C-alpha atoms as a PDB file:
ATOM      1  CA  MET A   1      17.707  -4.938  15.440  1.00  0.00           C
ATOM      2  CA  VAL A   2      17.251  -2.435  18.281  1.00  0.00           C
ATOM      3  CA  GLY A   3      15.416  -3.169  21.398  1.00  0.00           C
ATOM      4  CA  CYS A   4      13.513  -1.160  24.056  1.00  0.00           C
ATOM      5  CA  SER A   5      12.141  -1.870  27.295  1.00  0.00           C
ATOM      6  CA  LEU A   6       8.249  -1.873  27.303  1.00  0.00           C
ATOM      7  CA  ALA A   7       6.952   0.885  29.306  1.00  0.00           C
ATOM      8  CA  PRO A   8       3.105   1.147  30.317  1.00  0.00           C
ATOM      9  CA  GLN A   9       1.172   1.518  26.916  1.00  0.00           C
ATOM     10  CA  VAL A  10       0.028   5.216  26.104  1.00  0.00           C
ATOM     11  CA  LYS A  11      -2.767   6.136  23.655  1.00  0.00           C
ATOM     12  CA  ARG A  12      -2.951   9.355  21.685  1.00  0.00           C
ATOM     13  CA  LYS A  13      -6.171  10.736  20.250  1.00  0.00           C
ATOM     14  CA  GLU A  14      -4.706  10.608  16.820  1.00  0.00           C
ATOM     15  CA  LEU A  15      -4.373   6.818  17.145  1.00  0.00           C
ATOM     16  CA  PRO A  16      -7.434   5.445  19.146  1.00  0.00           C
ATOM     17  CA  ASN A  17      -6.798   1.836  18.197  1.00  0.00           C
ATOM     18  CA  THR A  18      -3.188   1.681  18.591  1.00  0.00           C
ATOM     19  CA  TYR A  19      -1.015   0.743  21.430  1.00  0.00           C
ATOM     20  CA  LEU A  20       2.254   2.766  21.603  1.00  0.00           C
ATOM     21  CA  VAL A  21       5.347   2.913  23.880  1.00  0.00           C
ATOM     22  CA  GLU A  22       6.988   6.105  24.314  1.00  0.00           C
ATOM     23  CA  SER A  23      10.546   5.921  23.273  1.00  0.00           C
ATOM     24  CA  ASP A  24      13.591   8.322  22.382  1.00  0.00           C
ATOM     25  CA  PHE A  25      15.739   8.784  19.403  1.00  0.00           C
ATOM     26  CA  GLU A  26      18.789   7.037  21.188  1.00  0.00           C
ATOM     27  CA  VAL A  27      17.232   3.670  20.644  1.00  0.00           C
ATOM     28  CA  LEU A  28      16.893   4.134  16.841  1.00  0.00           C
ATOM     29  CA  SER A  29      20.214   2.834  15.647  1.00  0.00           C
ATOM     30  CA  GLY A  30      19.940   3.882  11.939  1.00  0.00           C
ATOM     31  CA  PHE A  31      18.637   7.411  12.915  1.00  0.00           C
ATOM     32  CA  VAL A  32      22.193   9.072  12.483  1.00  0.00           C
ATOM     33  CA  ASP A  33      22.506   7.543   9.104  1.00  0.00           C
ATOM     34  CA  GLU A  34      19.866   9.186   7.350  1.00  0.00           C
ATOM     35  CA  ASN A  35      19.763  11.477   4.446  1.00  0.00           C
ATOM     36  CA  TYR A  36      17.975  14.315   6.220  1.00  0.00           C
ATOM     37  CA  ASP A  37      17.908  16.687   3.282  1.00  0.00           C
ATOM     38  CA  GLU A  38      15.773  13.916   1.530  1.00  0.00           C
ATOM     39  CA  VAL A  39      13.739  13.240   4.766  1.00  0.00           C
ATOM     40  CA  PHE A  40      12.968  17.006   5.420  1.00  0.00           C
ATOM     41  CA  ALA A  41      11.909  17.402   1.669  1.00  0.00           C
ATOM     42  CA  SER A  42       9.658  14.200   1.846  1.00  0.00           C
ATOM     43  CA  PHE A  43       8.150  15.795   5.152  1.00  0.00           C
ATOM     44  CA  GLN A  44       7.236  19.050   3.328  1.00  0.00           C
ATOM     45  CA  LYS A  45       5.822  17.158   0.360  1.00  0.00           C
ATOM     46  CA  ASN A  46       3.823  14.885   2.807  1.00  0.00           C
ATOM     47  CA  CYS A  47       2.564  18.337   4.565  1.00  0.00           C
ATOM     48  CA  GLN A  48       0.849  19.279   1.322  1.00  0.00           C
ATOM     49  CA  THR A  49      -1.902  17.075   2.416  1.00  0.00           C
ATOM     50  CA  GLN A  50      -4.795  17.940   4.861  1.00  0.00           C
ATOM     51  CA  LYS A  51      -4.217  14.658   6.831  1.00  0.00           C
ATOM     52  CA  ALA A  52      -0.775  15.513   7.509  1.00  0.00           C
ATOM     53  CA  LYS A  53      -1.365  19.121   8.478  1.00  0.00           C
ATOM     54  CA  LYS A  54      -3.929  17.870  11.008  1.00  0.00           C
ATOM     55  CA  LEU A  55      -1.398  15.467  12.479  1.00  0.00           C
ATOM     56  CA  TYR A  56       1.655  17.766  12.523  1.00  0.00           C
ATOM     57  CA  GLY A  57       0.052  21.369  12.742  1.00  0.00           C
ATOM     58  CA  HIS A  58       2.598  24.301  12.819  1.00  0.00           C
ATOM     59  CA  LEU A  59       5.512  21.948  12.022  1.00  0.00           C
ATOM     60  CA  CYS A  60       4.016  21.679   8.503  1.00  0.00           C
ATOM     61  CA  ASN A  61       4.553  25.586   8.135  1.00  0.00           C
ATOM     62  CA  ILE A  62       8.429  25.336   8.574  1.00  0.00           C
ATOM     63  CA  THR A  63       9.868  25.522   5.174  1.00  0.00           C
ATOM     64  CA  GLU A  64      13.631  26.110   6.103  1.00  0.00           C
ATOM     65  CA  VAL A  65      15.991  24.869   8.896  1.00  0.00           C
ATOM     66  CA  ALA A  66      19.733  25.048   9.434  1.00  0.00           C
ATOM     67  CA  ASN A  67      20.211  21.552  10.801  1.00  0.00           C
ATOM     68  CA  LYS A  68      17.506  19.270   9.550  1.00  0.00           C
ATOM     69  CA  LYS A  69      18.487  16.330  11.656  1.00  0.00           C
ATOM     70  CA  LYS A  70      18.037  18.576  14.797  1.00  0.00           C
ATOM     71  CA  PHE A  71      14.739  19.655  13.522  1.00  0.00           C
ATOM     72  CA  PHE A  72      13.358  16.229  13.974  1.00  0.00           C
ATOM     73  CA  VAL A  73      14.896  15.383  17.223  1.00  0.00           C
ATOM     74  CA  ASP A  74      13.718  18.780  18.574  1.00  0.00           C
ATOM     75  CA  ASN A  75      10.076  18.588  17.400  1.00  0.00           C
ATOM     76  CA  PHE A  76       9.213  14.731  17.564  1.00  0.00           C
ATOM     77  CA  VAL A  77       8.699  11.928  19.920  1.00  0.00           C
ATOM     78  CA  PRO A  78       9.207   8.346  18.630  1.00  0.00           C
ATOM     79  CA  TYR A  79       6.423   5.912  19.841  1.00  0.00           C
ATOM     80  CA  ARG A  80       7.124   2.201  19.312  1.00  0.00           C
ATOM     81  CA  VAL A  81       3.920   0.736  17.931  1.00  0.00           C
ATOM     82  CA  VAL A  82       3.061  -2.572  19.693  1.00  0.00           C
ATOM     83  CA  THR A  83       0.190  -4.885  19.737  1.00  0.00           C
ATOM     84  CA  LYS A  84      -2.428  -5.409  22.563  1.00  0.00           C
ATOM     85  CA  LYS A  85      -0.267  -8.235  23.765  1.00  0.00           C
ATOM     86  CA  ASN A  86       3.045  -6.241  23.661  1.00  0.00           C
ATOM     87  CA  LYS A  87       4.175  -8.023  20.327  1.00  0.00           C
ATOM     88  CA  THR A  88       6.768  -5.754  18.779  1.00  0.00           C
ATOM     89  CA  LYS A  89       7.927  -7.250  15.493  1.00  0.00           C
ATOM     90  CA  GLY A  90       5.841  -6.746  12.455  1.00  0.00           C
ATOM     91  CA  LEU A  91       6.031  -7.605   8.542  1.00  0.00           C
ATOM     92  CA  LEU A  92       7.647  -5.601   6.007  1.00  0.00           C
ATOM     93  CA  THR A  93       7.045  -6.298   2.465  1.00  0.00           C
ATOM     94  CA  GLY A  94       7.635  -4.276  -0.648  1.00  0.00           C
ATOM     95  CA  TYR A  95       5.505  -3.187  -3.764  1.00  0.00           C
ATOM     96  CA  TYR A  96       6.563  -1.608  -7.040  1.00  0.00           C
ATOM     97  CA  GLU A  97       5.045   0.078 -10.065  1.00  0.00           C
ATOM     98  CA  PRO A  98       4.835  -2.513 -12.882  1.00  0.00           C
ATOM     99  CA  LEU A  99       5.196  -1.870 -16.624  1.00  0.00           C
ATOM    100  CA  LEU A 100       2.658  -3.503 -18.746  1.00  0.00           C
ATOM    101  CA  TYR A 101       2.411  -3.716 -22.658  1.00  0.00           C
ATOM    102  CA  GLY A 102      -0.947  -2.927 -24.088  1.00  0.00           C
ATOM    103  CA  SER A 103      -3.050  -1.271 -26.765  1.00  0.00           C
ATOM    104  CA  LEU A 104      -6.112   1.016 -26.805  1.00  0.00           C
ATOM    105  CA  LYS A 105      -7.611  -1.594 -29.229  1.00  0.00           C
ATOM    106  CA  LYS A 106      -8.272  -5.271 -28.590  1.00  0.00           C
ATOM    107  CA  SER A 107      -6.299  -7.662 -30.940  1.00  0.00           C
ATOM    108  CA  LYS A 108      -5.000 -11.388 -30.669  1.00  0.00           C
ATOM    109  CA  ILE A 109      -2.052 -10.020 -28.759  1.00  0.00           C
ATOM    110  CA  TYR A 110      -3.523  -7.355 -26.589  1.00  0.00           C
ATOM    111  CA  LYS A 111      -6.806  -8.913 -25.265  1.00  0.00           C
ATOM    112  CA  TYR A 112      -7.052  -8.608 -21.559  1.00  0.00           C
ATOM    113  CA  PRO A 113      -9.126  -5.657 -20.502  1.00  0.00           C
ATOM    114  CA  ILE A 114      -8.127  -3.225 -17.828  1.00  0.00           C
ATOM    115  CA  TYR A 115     -11.416  -1.885 -16.452  1.00  0.00           C
ATOM    116  CA  ALA A 116     -12.385   1.646 -15.283  1.00  0.00           C
ATOM    117  CA  THR A 117     -15.004   1.584 -12.411  1.00  0.00           C
ATOM    118  CA  PRO A 118     -18.084  -0.006 -13.534  1.00  0.00           C
ATOM    119  CA  LYS A 119     -21.256   2.068 -14.117  1.00  0.00           C
ATOM    120  CA  ASP A 120     -23.497  -0.132 -11.926  1.00  0.00           C
ATOM    121  CA  LEU A 121     -21.075  -0.561  -8.767  1.00  0.00           C
ATOM    122  CA  VAL A 122     -22.939   1.155  -5.836  1.00  0.00           C
ATOM    123  CA  VAL A 123     -20.488   2.275  -2.978  1.00  0.00           C
ATOM    124  CA  VAL A 124     -22.134   3.077   0.331  1.00  0.00           C
ATOM    125  CA  ASP A 125     -20.657   5.082   3.064  1.00  0.00           C
ATOM    126  CA  LEU A 126     -22.141   4.526   6.564  1.00  0.00           C
ATOM    127  CA  SER A 127     -19.781   6.619   8.667  1.00  0.00           C
ATOM    128  CA  SER A 128     -22.448   9.484   8.933  1.00  0.00           C
ATOM    129  CA  ILE A 129     -24.860   7.027  10.741  1.00  0.00           C
ATOM    130  CA  TYR A 130     -22.021   4.554  12.188  1.00  0.00           C
ATOM    131  CA  PRO A 131     -18.923   6.859  12.896  1.00  0.00           C
ATOM    132  CA  GLU A 132     -16.996   3.699  14.062  1.00  0.00           C
ATOM    133  CA  LEU A 133     -17.198   2.402  10.325  1.00  0.00           C
ATOM    134  CA  GLN A 134     -15.565   5.321   8.843  1.00  0.00           C
ATOM    135  CA  HIS A 135     -12.963   3.146   7.388  1.00  0.00           C
ATOM    136  CA  PHE A 136     -15.199   0.734   5.755  1.00  0.00           C
ATOM    137  CA  ARG A 137     -17.299   0.915   2.519  1.00  0.00           C
ATOM    138  CA  LEU A 138     -20.160  -1.421   1.410  1.00  0.00           C
ATOM    139  CA  ARG A 139     -19.895  -2.107  -2.299  1.00  0.00           C
ATOM    140  CA  GLY A 140     -22.489  -3.938  -4.349  1.00  0.00           C
ATOM    141  CA  ARG A 141     -24.996  -3.672  -7.268  1.00  0.00           C
ATOM    142  CA  LEU A 142     -28.735  -3.068  -7.046  1.00  0.00           C
ATOM    143  CA  TYR A 143     -31.055  -5.982  -8.095  1.00  0.00           C
ATOM    144  CA  ASN A 144     -34.919  -5.878  -7.675  1.00  0.00           C
ATOM    145  CA  ASN A 145     -34.176  -2.713  -5.263  1.00  0.00           C
ATOM    146  CA  ARG A 146     -31.951  -4.722  -3.136  1.00  0.00           C
ATOM    147  CA  LEU A 147     -28.028  -4.182  -2.622  1.00  0.00           C
ATOM    148  CA  ILE A 148     -26.488  -7.418  -3.425  1.00  0.00           C
ATOM    149  CA  PRO A 149     -22.890  -8.418  -3.820  1.00  0.00           C
ATOM    150  CA  TYR A 150     -20.906  -7.227  -6.811  1.00  0.00           C
ATOM    151  CA  TYR A 151     -19.649  -9.789  -9.330  1.00  0.00           C
ATOM    152  CA  THR A 152     -16.735 -11.863  -8.413  1.00  0.00           C
ATOM    153  CA  ARG A 153     -13.406 -11.870 -10.605  1.00  0.00           C
ATOM    154  CA  SER A 154     -14.546 -15.092 -12.156  1.00  0.00           C
ATOM    155  CA  GLU A 155     -17.896 -13.723 -13.039  1.00  0.00           C
ATOM    156  CA  ILE A 156     -16.425 -10.631 -14.541  1.00  0.00           C
ATOM    157  CA  GLU A 157     -13.823 -13.079 -16.438  1.00  0.00           C
ATOM    158  CA  LYS A 158     -16.948 -14.817 -17.980  1.00  0.00           C
ATOM    159  CA  ASN A 159     -19.381 -12.182 -18.558  1.00  0.00           C
ATOM    160  CA  GLY A 160     -17.348  -8.994 -18.972  1.00  0.00           C
ATOM    161  CA  LEU A 161     -18.578  -5.561 -17.476  1.00  0.00           C
ATOM    162  CA  ASP A 162     -20.589  -2.344 -18.111  1.00  0.00           C
ATOM    163  CA  ALA A 163     -17.352  -0.251 -17.748  1.00  0.00           C
ATOM    164  CA  GLU A 164     -14.885   1.710 -19.837  1.00  0.00           C
ATOM    165  CA  ILE A 165     -11.944  -0.315 -20.757  1.00  0.00           C
ATOM    166  CA  LEU A 166      -8.694   1.892 -20.370  1.00  0.00           C
ATOM    167  CA  CYS A 167      -6.565  -0.394 -22.562  1.00  0.00           C
ATOM    168  CA  TYR A 168      -5.909  -4.097 -23.379  1.00  0.00           C
ATOM    169  CA  CYS A 169      -2.754  -5.713 -22.204  1.00  0.00           C
ATOM    170  CA  ASP A 170      -0.885  -8.761 -23.532  1.00  0.00           C
ATOM    171  CA  SER A 171      -0.635 -10.825 -20.150  1.00  0.00           C
ATOM    172  CA  LYS A 172      -3.584 -11.884 -17.873  1.00  0.00           C
ATOM    173  CA  VAL A 173      -0.925 -12.634 -15.260  1.00  0.00           C
ATOM    174  CA  GLU A 174       0.711  -9.181 -15.442  1.00  0.00           C
ATOM    175  CA  SER A 175      -2.789  -7.607 -15.301  1.00  0.00           C
ATOM    176  CA  PHE A 176      -3.413  -9.559 -12.144  1.00  0.00           C
ATOM    177  CA  PHE A 177      -0.302  -8.235 -10.445  1.00  0.00           C
ATOM    178  CA  LEU A 178      -1.135  -4.841 -11.465  1.00  0.00           C
ATOM    179  CA  GLU A 179      -4.298  -5.055  -9.314  1.00  0.00           C
ATOM    180  CA  VAL A 180      -2.085  -6.305  -6.354  1.00  0.00           C
ATOM    181  CA  GLN A 181       0.512  -3.320  -6.941  1.00  0.00           C
ATOM    182  CA  GLY A 182      -2.519  -0.776  -7.244  1.00  0.00           C
ATOM    183  CA  SER A 183      -0.891   1.137  -9.918  1.00  0.00           C
ATOM    184  CA  GLY A 184       1.415   0.866 -13.052  1.00  0.00           C
ATOM    185  CA  LYS A 185       2.466   2.285 -16.393  1.00  0.00           C
ATOM    186  CA  VAL A 186       1.298   0.853 -19.882  1.00  0.00           C
ATOM    187  CA  GLN A 187       3.423   0.976 -22.720  1.00  0.00           C
ATOM    188  CA  LEU A 188       1.175   1.332 -25.811  1.00  0.00           C
ATOM    189  CA  GLU A 189       2.016   0.075 -29.283  1.00  0.00           C
ATOM    190  CA  ASP A 190       3.245   3.514 -30.512  1.00  0.00           C
ATOM    191  CA  ASN A 191       5.510   3.647 -27.440  1.00  0.00           C
ATOM    192  CA  THR A 192       3.683   6.203 -25.697  1.00  0.00           C
ATOM    193  CA  THR A 193       3.164   5.341 -22.030  1.00  0.00           C
ATOM    194  CA  ILE A 194       0.004   5.847 -19.774  1.00  0.00           C
ATOM    195  CA  ASN A 195      -0.144   6.023 -16.153  1.00  0.00           C
ATOM    196  CA  ILE A 196      -3.097   4.198 -14.362  1.00  0.00           C
ATOM    197  CA  GLY A 197      -3.922   4.009 -10.726  1.00  0.00           C
ATOM    198  CA  TYR A 198      -6.619   2.593  -8.324  1.00  0.00           C
ATOM    199  CA  SER A 199     -10.134   3.799  -8.635  1.00  0.00           C
ATOM    200  CA  ASN A 200     -12.246   1.218  -6.879  1.00  0.00           C
ATOM    201  CA  GLN A 201     -12.848  -2.354  -5.968  1.00  0.00           C
ATOM    202  CA  ASN A 202     -15.581  -4.902  -6.329  1.00  0.00           C
ATOM    203  CA  GLY A 203     -16.093  -5.259  -2.666  1.00  0.00           C
ATOM    204  CA  HIS A 204     -14.883  -9.028  -2.343  1.00  0.00           C
ATOM    205  CA  LYS A 205     -12.115  -9.763   0.336  1.00  0.00           C
ATOM    206  CA  TYR A 206      -8.594 -10.080  -1.050  1.00  0.00           C
ATOM    207  CA  SER A 207      -7.353 -13.594  -0.952  1.00  0.00           C
ATOM    208  CA  SER A 208      -3.398 -14.308  -1.553  1.00  0.00           C
ATOM    209  CA  ILE A 209      -2.828 -16.638  -4.492  1.00  0.00           C
ATOM    210  CA  GLY A 210       0.484 -17.304  -2.848  1.00  0.00           C
ATOM    211  CA  LYS A 211      -0.981 -18.736   0.285  1.00  0.00           C
ATOM    212  CA  TYR A 212      -3.323 -20.767  -2.071  1.00  0.00           C
ATOM    213  CA  LEU A 213      -0.417 -22.240  -3.805  1.00  0.00           C
ATOM    214  CA  ILE A 214       1.186 -23.005  -0.310  1.00  0.00           C
ATOM    215  CA  HIS A 215      -2.029 -24.657   0.678  1.00  0.00           C
ATOM    216  CA  LEU A 216      -2.127 -26.634  -2.367  1.00  0.00           C
ATOM    217  CA  GLY A 217       1.445 -27.973  -1.748  1.00  0.00           C
ATOM    218  CA  GLU A 218       2.435 -26.366  -4.966  1.00  0.00           C
ATOM    219  CA  ILE A 219       5.228 -24.080  -3.623  1.00  0.00           C
ATOM    220  CA  LYS A 220       6.793 -24.386  -0.341  1.00  0.00           C
ATOM    221  CA  LYS A 221       6.197 -21.563   2.112  1.00  0.00           C
ATOM    222  CA  GLU A 222       9.935 -20.655   2.372  1.00  0.00           C
ATOM    223  CA  ASP A 223      10.083 -20.440  -1.524  1.00  0.00           C
ATOM    224  CA  ILE A 224       7.162 -18.195  -2.066  1.00  0.00           C
ATOM    225  CA  SER A 225       7.731 -14.887  -3.744  1.00  0.00           C
ATOM    226  CA  LEU A 226       6.572 -12.967  -6.680  1.00  0.00           C
ATOM    227  CA  GLN A 227       9.030 -14.560  -8.900  1.00  0.00           C
ATOM    228  CA  SER A 228       8.243 -18.078  -7.865  1.00  0.00           C
ATOM    229  CA  ILE A 229       4.509 -17.443  -8.253  1.00  0.00           C
ATOM    230  CA  LYS A 230       5.051 -15.932 -11.852  1.00  0.00           C
ATOM    231  CA  LYS A 231       7.234 -19.062 -12.684  1.00  0.00           C
ATOM    232  CA  TRP A 232       4.794 -21.405 -11.509  1.00  0.00           C
ATOM    233  CA  LEU A 233       1.872 -19.857 -13.441  1.00  0.00           C
ATOM    234  CA  ASP A 234       4.083 -19.705 -16.537  1.00  0.00           C
ATOM    235  CA  ASN A 235       4.829 -23.513 -16.067  1.00  0.00           C
ATOM    236  CA  HIS A 236       1.027 -24.334 -15.732  1.00  0.00           C
ATOM    237  CA  PRO A 237      -0.964 -22.286 -18.255  1.00  0.00           C
ATOM    238  CA  SER A 238      -3.936 -24.562 -17.842  1.00  0.00           C
ATOM    239  CA  ARG A 239      -4.225 -23.756 -14.262  1.00  0.00           C
ATOM    240  CA  VAL A 240      -3.851 -19.776 -14.523  1.00  0.00           C
ATOM    241  CA  ASP A 241      -7.717 -19.221 -14.297  1.00  0.00           C
ATOM    242  CA  GLU A 242      -7.978 -21.456 -11.287  1.00  0.00           C
ATOM    243  CA  ILE A 243      -5.208 -19.704  -9.368  1.00  0.00           C
ATOM    244  CA  LEU A 244      -6.202 -16.067 -10.281  1.00  0.00           C
ATOM    245  CA  ASN A 245      -9.830 -16.645  -9.480  1.00  0.00           C
ATOM    246  CA  HIS A 246      -9.060 -17.894  -6.059  1.00  0.00           C
ATOM    247  CA  ASN A 247      -8.714 -14.151  -5.355  1.00  0.00           C
ATOM    248  CA  GLN A 248     -12.295 -12.917  -6.197  1.00  0.00           C
ATOM    249  CA  SER A 249     -11.305  -9.382  -5.417  1.00  0.00           C
ATOM    250  CA  MET A 250     -10.909  -7.213  -8.381  1.00  0.00           C
ATOM    251  CA  VAL A 251      -9.470  -3.721  -8.660  1.00  0.00           C
ATOM    252  CA  PHE A 252     -10.754  -0.914 -11.192  1.00  0.00           C
ATOM    253  CA  PHE A 253      -8.507   1.737 -12.420  1.00  0.00           C
ATOM    254  CA  GLN A 254      -8.459   5.189 -13.813  1.00  0.00           C
ATOM    255  CA  ARG A 255      -6.019   7.238 -16.037  1.00  0.00           C
ATOM    256  CA  LYS A 256      -3.536   9.175 -13.976  1.00  0.00           C
ATOM    257  CA  ALA A 257      -1.317  12.370 -14.901  1.00  0.00           C
ATOM    258  CA  HIS A 258       1.514  11.155 -12.943  1.00  0.00           C
ATOM    259  CA  GLY A 259       3.204   7.910 -11.645  1.00  0.00           C
ATOM    260  CA  ALA A 260       2.167   5.681  -8.782  1.00  0.00           C
ATOM    261  CA  THR A 261      -0.176   7.704  -6.573  1.00  0.00           C
ATOM    262  CA  GLY A 262      -1.050   6.464  -3.018  1.00  0.00           C
ATOM    263  CA  SER A 263      -4.311   6.854  -1.110  1.00  0.00           C
ATOM    264  CA  LEU A 264      -3.274  10.130   0.262  1.00  0.00           C
ATOM    265  CA  GLY A 265      -3.254  11.586  -3.106  1.00  0.00           C
ATOM    266  CA  LEU A 266       0.500  12.046  -3.460  1.00  0.00           C
ATOM    267  CA  GLU A 267       2.720  10.680  -5.882  1.00  0.00           C
ATOM    268  CA  LEU A 268       4.677   7.965  -4.143  1.00  0.00           C
ATOM    269  CA  THR A 269       8.365   8.200  -3.430  1.00  0.00           C
ATOM    270  CA  PRO A 270      10.604   5.132  -3.758  1.00  0.00           C
ATOM    271  CA  LYS A 271      11.788   3.891  -0.330  1.00  0.00           C
ATOM    272  CA  ARG A 272      10.064   6.880   1.372  1.00  0.00           C
ATOM    273  CA  SER A 273       6.470   6.050   0.887  1.00  0.00           C
ATOM    274  CA  VAL A 274       4.586   3.008   2.614  1.00  0.00           C
ATOM    275  CA  ALA A 275       1.277   1.446   2.672  1.00  0.00           C
ATOM    276  CA  VAL A 276      -0.339   0.976   6.176  1.00  0.00           C
ATOM    277  CA  ASP A 277      -3.480  -0.099   7.751  1.00  0.00           C
ATOM    278  CA  ARG A 278      -5.126   3.279   8.347  1.00  0.00           C
ATOM    279  CA  LYS A 279      -7.407   1.711  11.275  1.00  0.00           C
ATOM    280  CA  PHE A 280      -4.099   1.805  13.209  1.00  0.00           C
ATOM    281  CA  ILE A 281      -1.650   4.217  11.556  1.00  0.00           C
ATOM    282  CA  PRO A 282      -2.864   7.466  10.180  1.00  0.00           C
ATOM    283  CA  LEU A 283      -2.341   8.485   6.522  1.00  0.00           C
ATOM    284  CA  GLY A 284       0.032  11.316   6.583  1.00  0.00           C
ATOM    285  CA  SER A 285       2.036  10.027   9.622  1.00  0.00           C
ATOM    286  CA  MET A 286       5.779   9.690   9.691  1.00  0.00           C
ATOM    287  CA  LEU A 287       7.267   6.307  10.582  1.00  0.00           C
ATOM    288  CA  TYR A 288      10.727   4.935  11.504  1.00  0.00           C
ATOM    289  CA  LEU A 289      11.354   1.486  10.360  1.00  0.00           C
ATOM    290  CA  ASP A 290      14.147  -0.909  11.549  1.00  0.00           C
ATOM    291  CA  THR A 291      14.875  -4.023   9.647  1.00  0.00           C
ATOM    292  CA  ASN A 292      17.915  -6.233   8.678  1.00  0.00           C
ATOM    293  CA  HIS A 293      17.298  -6.251   4.970  1.00  0.00           C
ATOM    294  CA  LYS A 294      20.517  -5.160   3.204  1.00  0.00           C
ATOM    295  CA  ALA A 295      18.609  -3.470   0.259  1.00  0.00           C
ATOM    296  CA  ILE A 296      16.616  -1.252   2.681  1.00  0.00           C
ATOM    297  CA  ASP A 297      18.737   1.607   3.331  1.00  0.00           C
ATOM    298  CA  THR A 298      16.284   4.003   4.501  1.00  0.00           C
ATOM    299  CA  HIS A 299      14.485   4.219   7.863  1.00  0.00           C
ATOM    300  CA  ILE A 300      12.227   7.298   7.986  1.00  0.00           C
ATOM    301  CA  VAL A 301       9.023   6.852   5.680  1.00  0.00           C
ATOM    302  CA  PHE A 302       5.800   8.321   5.281  1.00  0.00           C
ATOM    303  CA  ALA A 303       2.307   6.619   5.362  1.00  0.00           C
ATOM    304  CA  GLN A 304       0.825   7.499   2.168  1.00  0.00           C
ATOM    305  CA  ASP A 305      -1.071   4.385   0.856  1.00  0.00           C
ATOM    306  CA  THR A 306      -3.034   1.385   1.842  1.00  0.00           C
ATOM    307  CA  GLY A 307      -3.503  -1.922   0.371  1.00  0.00           C
ATOM    308  CA  GLY A 308      -5.980  -4.700   0.683  1.00  0.00           C
ATOM    309  CA  ALA A 309      -3.453  -7.232   2.038  1.00  0.00           C
ATOM    310  CA  ILE A 310      -1.958  -4.581   4.649  1.00  0.00           C
ATOM    311  CA  LYS A 311      -3.788  -5.469   7.660  1.00  0.00           C
ATOM    312  CA  GLY A 312      -2.902  -4.700  11.440  1.00  0.00           C
ATOM    313  CA  PRO A 313      -0.665  -2.118  13.315  1.00  0.00           C
ATOM    314  CA  LEU A 314       2.625  -3.678  12.466  1.00  0.00           C
ATOM    315  CA  ARG A 315       2.156  -4.506   8.844  1.00  0.00           C
ATOM    316  CA  VAL A 316       4.027  -2.215   6.408  1.00  0.00           C
ATOM    317  CA  ASP A 317       4.623  -2.280   2.724  1.00  0.00           C
ATOM    318  CA  LEU A 318       7.358  -0.168   1.281  1.00  0.00           C
ATOM    319  CA  PHE A 319       7.115   1.428  -2.184  1.00  0.00           C
ATOM    320  CA  LEU A 320      10.195   0.616  -4.164  1.00  0.00           C
ATOM    321  CA  GLY A 321       9.756   2.261  -7.513  1.00  0.00           C
ATOM    322  CA  SER A 322       9.404   1.224 -10.932  1.00  0.00           C
ATOM    323  CA  SER A 323      12.640  -0.328 -12.032  1.00  0.00           C
ATOM    324  CA  GLN A 324      13.358  -3.908 -12.697  1.00  0.00           C
ATOM    325  CA  LYS A 325      15.545  -3.969  -9.585  1.00  0.00           C
ATOM    326  CA  ALA A 326      12.441  -2.476  -7.653  1.00  0.00           C
ATOM    327  CA  GLN A 327      10.414  -5.358  -8.958  1.00  0.00           C
ATOM    328  CA  GLU A 328      13.020  -7.880  -7.906  1.00  0.00           C
ATOM    329  CA  ILE A 329      13.442  -6.637  -4.259  1.00  0.00           C
ATOM    330  CA  ALA A 330       9.702  -6.235  -3.843  1.00  0.00           C
ATOM    331  CA  GLY A 331       9.098  -9.747  -5.025  1.00  0.00           C
ATOM    332  CA  SER A 332      11.165 -11.391  -2.384  1.00  0.00           C
ATOM    333  CA  LEU A 333      10.870  -8.684   0.508  1.00  0.00           C
ATOM    334  CA  LYS A 334       9.442 -10.298   3.418  1.00  0.00           C
ATOM    335  CA  GLU A 335      11.204  -9.074   6.718  1.00  0.00           C
ATOM    336  CA  LYS A 336      10.500  -8.727  10.382  1.00  0.00           C
ATOM    337  CA  VAL A 337      10.464  -5.045  11.149  1.00  0.00           C
ATOM    338  CA  ASP A 338      10.256  -2.779  14.241  1.00  0.00           C
ATOM    339  CA  VAL A 339       7.923   0.277  13.902  1.00  0.00           C
ATOM    340  CA  TRP A 340       7.907   3.624  15.442  1.00  0.00           C
ATOM    341  CA  ILE A 341       5.702   6.361  14.659  1.00  0.00           C
ATOM    342  CA  LEU A 342       7.082   9.991  14.982  1.00  0.00           C
ATOM    343  CA  LEU A 343       4.464  12.430  16.570  1.00  0.00           C
ATOM    344  CA  PRO A 344       4.796  16.029  17.810  1.00  0.00           C
ATOM    345  CA  LYS A 345       6.188  16.620  20.980  1.00  0.00           C
ATOM    346  CA  LYS A 346       3.190  18.894  21.779  1.00  0.00           C
ATOM    347  CA  ARG A 347      -0.314  18.056  20.891  1.00  0.00           C
ATOM    348  CA  VAL A 348      -1.376  20.276  17.918  1.00  0.00           C
ATOM    349  CA  ASP A 349      -4.258  21.734  19.986  1.00  0.00           C
ATOM    350  CA  GLU A 350      -2.039  22.663  22.856  1.00  0.00           C
END
């Protein structure tokens, strides 16, 4: 891991809630090893979005450069992301695009529904009245002309929903983890595959079933992973509902033309796309990550997604793809990470 002495913290208008320390590329140990053809292609793809164009301005209009590494060194400044108390170490986890098996019709095998957004779900955006709430949405349902909390996972499990069912899958556990990942593929009985992605959420706070199993003393903290959770659930079928319903949050989906798509609206790129907390890291921004994990061989990534469990300025979730290897890495990835954000040397409005 690299270090850097903490200079006085600076703020930029693009990140009003984030504490930064101006740095330079010399402290980024893996910067020389990057595949800059790949990074530049990812930067151009990122610049297809308005959020990235707003952040990087005229740099998004550059389509060809002779020396791609020099392009980044000459045009960007790395700012180390720190907390208010100068904490520098964050947490890096991984996510993947799962493959489920399902059918468009319910049967004894395929009986677990994957819902589209319910017809009676009300989403309230208060940002026009309270600008400080621009990243928050109030979700619920109307009852006697009052907005009340929407149904919980356990209530939906018991009573169903007034919503389109996109398909039925063969595993309640895999359906649950599809929600955690946010998107996935479903292979149907005729061997065709459909892509589904996040559409909405029931408004209840996400609660980790991994932490719940640790609290119950069922799995040791040092042993917790996607694999160990799935194994525990397989070995305790009578307690599956109890554990899954601990997380009363529920995600609803929609059909997608392409594979995993993030909150920025772009199809995610393995090992180049990350989920962040957009209260601190703007969607569309370019980040530099430094971690010791041997399977992570990329450093420059792009903030193109969000997640219910991704909270705080130093919390990063790396998209790893849709392969079995991606699932294995994502299931156990939990590493300390140093985070820099790469911003233009000159303000866009200068």
